[in-house]
N, C-alpha and C. Protein backbone atom coordinates (compact mmCIF):
# COMPACT_ATOMS: atom_id res chain seq x y z
N MET A 1 -85.43 78.91 3.98
CA MET A 1 -85.11 78.30 2.70
C MET A 1 -83.65 78.57 2.37
N THR A 2 -82.91 77.55 1.99
CA THR A 2 -81.52 77.74 1.61
C THR A 2 -81.43 78.04 0.12
N GLN A 3 -80.41 78.79 -0.23
CA GLN A 3 -80.17 79.16 -1.62
C GLN A 3 -79.33 78.08 -2.28
N ASP A 4 -79.71 77.65 -3.49
CA ASP A 4 -78.96 76.63 -4.22
C ASP A 4 -77.89 77.22 -5.13
N PHE A 5 -77.71 78.53 -5.09
CA PHE A 5 -76.70 79.15 -5.95
C PHE A 5 -76.21 80.44 -5.31
N VAL A 6 -75.07 80.92 -5.82
CA VAL A 6 -74.52 82.23 -5.45
C VAL A 6 -74.39 83.00 -6.76
N TYR A 7 -74.88 84.22 -6.79
CA TYR A 7 -74.88 85.02 -8.01
C TYR A 7 -74.24 86.37 -7.75
N HIS A 8 -73.21 86.70 -8.50
CA HIS A 8 -72.58 88.02 -8.47
C HIS A 8 -72.57 88.52 -9.91
N GLU A 9 -73.25 89.62 -10.14
CA GLU A 9 -73.40 90.12 -11.51
C GLU A 9 -72.07 90.49 -12.15
N ASP A 10 -71.17 91.10 -11.37
CA ASP A 10 -69.88 91.53 -11.92
C ASP A 10 -68.84 91.48 -10.82
N ILE A 11 -67.97 90.49 -10.86
CA ILE A 11 -66.98 90.32 -9.79
C ILE A 11 -65.90 91.39 -9.84
N ARG A 12 -65.87 92.20 -10.89
CA ARG A 12 -64.89 93.29 -10.95
C ARG A 12 -65.29 94.46 -10.08
N LYS A 13 -66.56 94.55 -9.72
CA LYS A 13 -67.04 95.63 -8.85
C LYS A 13 -66.63 95.33 -7.41
N HIS A 14 -66.26 96.39 -6.68
CA HIS A 14 -65.81 96.19 -5.31
C HIS A 14 -65.95 97.48 -4.51
N SER A 15 -65.80 97.35 -3.21
CA SER A 15 -65.80 98.51 -2.32
C SER A 15 -64.51 99.30 -2.53
N ASP A 16 -64.51 100.54 -2.04
CA ASP A 16 -63.29 101.34 -2.11
C ASP A 16 -62.20 100.67 -1.29
N ILE A 17 -60.98 100.73 -1.81
CA ILE A 17 -59.85 100.19 -1.06
C ILE A 17 -58.91 101.34 -0.71
N PRO A 18 -58.21 101.22 0.42
CA PRO A 18 -57.23 102.26 0.73
C PRO A 18 -56.13 102.27 -0.32
N PRO A 19 -55.46 103.40 -0.53
CA PRO A 19 -54.44 103.48 -1.59
C PRO A 19 -53.30 102.48 -1.41
N ASN A 20 -53.06 102.03 -0.21
CA ASN A 20 -51.98 101.07 0.04
C ASN A 20 -52.53 99.80 0.69
N GLY A 21 -53.62 99.29 0.17
CA GLY A 21 -54.26 98.17 0.83
C GLY A 21 -54.67 97.04 -0.09
N ILE A 22 -55.13 95.99 0.56
CA ILE A 22 -55.71 94.83 -0.12
C ILE A 22 -57.05 94.57 0.55
N LEU A 23 -58.07 94.41 -0.26
CA LEU A 23 -59.42 94.13 0.24
C LEU A 23 -59.76 92.69 -0.12
N SER A 24 -60.33 91.94 0.81
CA SER A 24 -60.79 90.59 0.48
C SER A 24 -62.21 90.41 0.97
N ALA A 25 -62.98 89.65 0.19
CA ALA A 25 -64.38 89.37 0.54
C ALA A 25 -64.70 87.94 0.13
N THR A 26 -65.20 87.16 1.06
CA THR A 26 -65.62 85.80 0.73
C THR A 26 -66.93 85.86 -0.02
N LEU A 27 -66.95 85.30 -1.23
CA LEU A 27 -68.15 85.31 -2.06
C LEU A 27 -68.97 84.04 -1.89
N GLN A 28 -68.30 82.94 -1.53
CA GLN A 28 -68.98 81.65 -1.39
C GLN A 28 -68.09 80.74 -0.56
N THR A 29 -68.73 79.93 0.29
CA THR A 29 -67.99 78.91 1.01
C THR A 29 -68.92 77.75 1.35
N ASP A 30 -68.38 76.55 1.24
CA ASP A 30 -69.10 75.34 1.66
C ASP A 30 -68.06 74.29 2.02
N ALA A 31 -68.46 73.05 2.20
CA ALA A 31 -67.55 71.99 2.64
C ALA A 31 -66.49 71.66 1.60
N ARG A 32 -66.73 71.95 0.32
CA ARG A 32 -65.80 71.55 -0.74
C ARG A 32 -65.01 72.68 -1.37
N SER A 33 -65.46 73.93 -1.19
CA SER A 33 -64.76 75.04 -1.84
C SER A 33 -64.98 76.35 -1.09
N LYS A 34 -64.11 77.29 -1.39
CA LYS A 34 -64.25 78.65 -0.87
C LYS A 34 -63.77 79.59 -1.96
N VAL A 35 -64.57 80.64 -2.24
CA VAL A 35 -64.24 81.62 -3.26
C VAL A 35 -64.08 82.98 -2.59
N VAL A 36 -62.91 83.59 -2.82
CA VAL A 36 -62.60 84.88 -2.21
C VAL A 36 -62.22 85.87 -3.31
N GLN A 37 -62.83 87.05 -3.28
CA GLN A 37 -62.45 88.14 -4.18
C GLN A 37 -61.36 88.95 -3.48
N PHE A 38 -60.25 89.17 -4.18
CA PHE A 38 -59.18 90.04 -3.68
C PHE A 38 -59.10 91.26 -4.59
N VAL A 39 -58.93 92.43 -3.98
CA VAL A 39 -58.69 93.65 -4.72
C VAL A 39 -57.40 94.26 -4.17
N PHE A 40 -56.41 94.43 -5.04
CA PHE A 40 -55.12 94.97 -4.65
C PHE A 40 -54.99 96.40 -5.16
N ALA A 41 -54.53 97.30 -4.32
CA ALA A 41 -54.12 98.62 -4.80
C ALA A 41 -52.81 98.44 -5.55
N PRO A 42 -52.50 99.33 -6.49
CA PRO A 42 -51.24 99.21 -7.22
C PRO A 42 -50.05 99.15 -6.26
N GLY A 43 -49.13 98.23 -6.54
CA GLY A 43 -47.93 98.09 -5.71
C GLY A 43 -48.07 97.17 -4.52
N GLN A 44 -49.29 96.74 -4.22
CA GLN A 44 -49.49 95.86 -3.06
C GLN A 44 -49.17 94.41 -3.42
N GLU A 45 -48.85 93.62 -2.40
CA GLU A 45 -48.50 92.24 -2.67
C GLU A 45 -48.86 91.32 -1.51
N LEU A 46 -49.04 90.06 -1.88
CA LEU A 46 -49.11 88.97 -0.90
C LEU A 46 -47.77 88.28 -1.01
N SER A 47 -47.02 88.24 0.08
CA SER A 47 -45.70 87.61 0.05
C SER A 47 -45.86 86.10 -0.09
N ALA A 48 -44.75 85.44 -0.37
CA ALA A 48 -44.77 83.99 -0.63
C ALA A 48 -45.41 83.23 0.53
N HIS A 49 -46.31 82.35 0.18
CA HIS A 49 -47.02 81.50 1.14
C HIS A 49 -47.49 80.25 0.41
N THR A 50 -48.08 79.32 1.14
CA THR A 50 -48.64 78.11 0.54
C THR A 50 -50.08 77.95 1.00
N ALA A 51 -50.80 77.08 0.32
CA ALA A 51 -52.16 76.71 0.70
C ALA A 51 -52.19 75.20 0.93
N PRO A 52 -52.97 74.74 1.89
CA PRO A 52 -53.01 73.31 2.17
C PRO A 52 -53.77 72.49 1.14
N CYS A 53 -54.49 73.17 0.24
CA CYS A 53 -55.30 72.47 -0.76
C CYS A 53 -55.03 73.07 -2.14
N PRO A 54 -55.42 72.36 -3.21
CA PRO A 54 -55.30 72.95 -4.55
C PRO A 54 -56.12 74.24 -4.62
N ALA A 55 -55.67 75.16 -5.47
CA ALA A 55 -56.37 76.44 -5.59
C ALA A 55 -56.31 76.94 -7.03
N LEU A 56 -57.27 77.77 -7.36
CA LEU A 56 -57.36 78.42 -8.67
C LEU A 56 -57.29 79.92 -8.48
N LEU A 57 -56.60 80.61 -9.38
CA LEU A 57 -56.60 82.07 -9.41
C LEU A 57 -57.17 82.50 -10.75
N TYR A 58 -58.06 83.48 -10.72
CA TYR A 58 -58.58 84.07 -11.95
C TYR A 58 -58.46 85.58 -11.82
N PHE A 59 -57.76 86.20 -12.76
CA PHE A 59 -57.56 87.64 -12.75
C PHE A 59 -58.66 88.29 -13.59
N ALA A 60 -59.57 88.99 -12.93
CA ALA A 60 -60.70 89.62 -13.60
C ALA A 60 -60.33 90.96 -14.21
N SER A 61 -59.36 91.65 -13.61
CA SER A 61 -58.89 92.92 -14.16
C SER A 61 -57.54 93.26 -13.56
N GLY A 62 -56.81 94.13 -14.26
CA GLY A 62 -55.52 94.60 -13.78
C GLY A 62 -54.36 93.75 -14.23
N GLN A 63 -53.17 94.11 -13.74
CA GLN A 63 -51.95 93.40 -14.09
C GLN A 63 -51.15 93.12 -12.83
N ALA A 64 -50.52 91.95 -12.80
CA ALA A 64 -49.74 91.54 -11.63
C ALA A 64 -48.60 90.63 -12.06
N LYS A 65 -47.64 90.51 -11.18
CA LYS A 65 -46.60 89.50 -11.32
C LYS A 65 -46.92 88.41 -10.32
N VAL A 66 -46.94 87.16 -10.78
CA VAL A 66 -47.29 86.03 -9.93
C VAL A 66 -46.10 85.09 -9.89
N THR A 67 -45.64 84.79 -8.69
CA THR A 67 -44.57 83.82 -8.52
C THR A 67 -45.20 82.49 -8.16
N LEU A 68 -44.86 81.46 -8.93
CA LEU A 68 -45.39 80.11 -8.76
C LEU A 68 -44.19 79.18 -8.60
N GLY A 69 -43.92 78.76 -7.37
CA GLY A 69 -42.71 77.99 -7.13
C GLY A 69 -41.51 78.86 -7.46
N GLU A 70 -40.68 78.42 -8.40
CA GLU A 70 -39.47 79.15 -8.79
C GLU A 70 -39.68 80.09 -9.99
N GLU A 71 -40.87 80.08 -10.58
CA GLU A 71 -41.14 80.88 -11.78
C GLU A 71 -41.98 82.12 -11.46
N THR A 72 -41.71 83.20 -12.19
CA THR A 72 -42.54 84.39 -12.10
C THR A 72 -43.17 84.63 -13.47
N ARG A 73 -44.48 84.84 -13.46
CA ARG A 73 -45.24 85.06 -14.69
C ARG A 73 -46.03 86.35 -14.58
N GLU A 74 -46.37 86.91 -15.74
CA GLU A 74 -47.24 88.08 -15.81
C GLU A 74 -48.69 87.59 -15.82
N ALA A 75 -49.54 88.29 -15.11
CA ALA A 75 -50.98 87.98 -15.12
C ALA A 75 -51.73 89.26 -15.48
N SER A 76 -52.78 89.11 -16.26
CA SER A 76 -53.62 90.25 -16.64
C SER A 76 -55.05 89.75 -16.80
N GLU A 77 -55.94 90.65 -17.18
CA GLU A 77 -57.35 90.29 -17.32
C GLU A 77 -57.50 89.00 -18.11
N GLY A 78 -58.16 88.03 -17.51
CA GLY A 78 -58.40 86.75 -18.17
C GLY A 78 -57.43 85.65 -17.79
N THR A 79 -56.34 85.97 -17.09
CA THR A 79 -55.37 84.93 -16.71
C THR A 79 -55.99 83.97 -15.71
N PHE A 80 -55.76 82.68 -15.94
CA PHE A 80 -56.24 81.60 -15.08
C PHE A 80 -55.03 80.76 -14.65
N ILE A 81 -54.98 80.42 -13.37
CA ILE A 81 -53.88 79.63 -12.83
C ILE A 81 -54.45 78.53 -11.94
N HIS A 82 -53.97 77.31 -12.10
CA HIS A 82 -54.27 76.22 -11.18
C HIS A 82 -53.00 75.92 -10.42
N MET A 83 -53.10 75.84 -9.09
CA MET A 83 -51.93 75.57 -8.26
C MET A 83 -52.16 74.30 -7.44
N ALA A 84 -51.15 73.45 -7.40
CA ALA A 84 -51.21 72.25 -6.56
C ALA A 84 -51.12 72.68 -5.09
N ALA A 85 -51.62 71.83 -4.21
CA ALA A 85 -51.51 72.08 -2.78
C ALA A 85 -50.04 72.29 -2.41
N LYS A 86 -49.80 73.19 -1.50
CA LYS A 86 -48.48 73.48 -0.92
C LYS A 86 -47.49 74.12 -1.88
N LEU A 87 -47.93 74.57 -3.06
CA LEU A 87 -47.03 75.27 -3.97
C LEU A 87 -46.77 76.69 -3.43
N PRO A 88 -45.52 77.05 -3.18
CA PRO A 88 -45.25 78.44 -2.76
C PRO A 88 -45.65 79.40 -3.89
N HIS A 89 -46.34 80.46 -3.52
CA HIS A 89 -46.77 81.44 -4.51
C HIS A 89 -46.86 82.83 -3.88
N ALA A 90 -46.75 83.85 -4.72
CA ALA A 90 -46.83 85.24 -4.28
C ALA A 90 -47.45 86.06 -5.40
N ILE A 91 -48.05 87.20 -5.04
CA ILE A 91 -48.70 88.06 -6.03
C ILE A 91 -48.28 89.50 -5.75
N HIS A 92 -47.85 90.19 -6.80
CA HIS A 92 -47.49 91.61 -6.71
C HIS A 92 -48.29 92.36 -7.78
N ALA A 93 -49.17 93.24 -7.33
CA ALA A 93 -50.02 94.01 -8.25
C ALA A 93 -49.23 95.17 -8.84
N THR A 94 -49.19 95.28 -10.16
CA THR A 94 -48.55 96.42 -10.79
C THR A 94 -49.56 97.52 -11.11
N THR A 95 -50.84 97.15 -11.20
CA THR A 95 -51.96 98.10 -11.31
C THR A 95 -52.99 97.66 -10.29
N GLU A 96 -54.13 98.34 -10.21
CA GLU A 96 -55.21 97.82 -9.37
C GLU A 96 -55.62 96.48 -9.96
N VAL A 97 -55.77 95.47 -9.12
CA VAL A 97 -56.09 94.12 -9.55
C VAL A 97 -57.33 93.62 -8.84
N VAL A 98 -58.22 92.98 -9.59
CA VAL A 98 -59.32 92.22 -9.01
C VAL A 98 -59.09 90.78 -9.40
N MET A 99 -59.01 89.91 -8.38
CA MET A 99 -58.66 88.51 -8.59
C MET A 99 -59.59 87.63 -7.75
N LEU A 100 -59.94 86.49 -8.31
CA LEU A 100 -60.68 85.48 -7.55
C LEU A 100 -59.72 84.35 -7.14
N LEU A 101 -59.84 83.94 -5.91
CA LEU A 101 -59.15 82.78 -5.38
C LEU A 101 -60.22 81.73 -5.11
N VAL A 102 -60.03 80.54 -5.67
CA VAL A 102 -60.96 79.43 -5.41
C VAL A 102 -60.14 78.32 -4.75
N MET A 103 -60.44 78.02 -3.52
CA MET A 103 -59.77 76.94 -2.80
C MET A 103 -60.63 75.68 -2.90
N LEU A 104 -60.01 74.59 -3.31
CA LEU A 104 -60.70 73.31 -3.50
C LEU A 104 -60.38 72.43 -2.31
N LYS A 105 -61.35 72.26 -1.42
CA LYS A 105 -61.13 71.62 -0.13
C LYS A 105 -61.30 70.11 -0.14
N GLY A 106 -60.87 69.40 -1.05
CA GLY A 106 -60.94 67.94 -0.98
C GLY A 106 -62.21 67.35 -0.72
């Protein structure tokens, strides 16, 4: 029997991360979307990169600096970002951060 839903009681909960690491876990994937939980230790970052499809970022906890194209913005608990395909972006965690990445696969 296949499951018609994915349920996570609290996306802020996660496994232990190394003090200088980033942990990622795929929470859901199908033909149209993929949802990945990222947990950043303080000071960790994803350097500038692009995605081939539109994507959403949701910051569930913590604080980070997010570079979107030429702009840098502050992100904290509750911040939501929609990014167009191929937009250069980077994330630098200033505290421990739990973030969801949702890739929209056309």
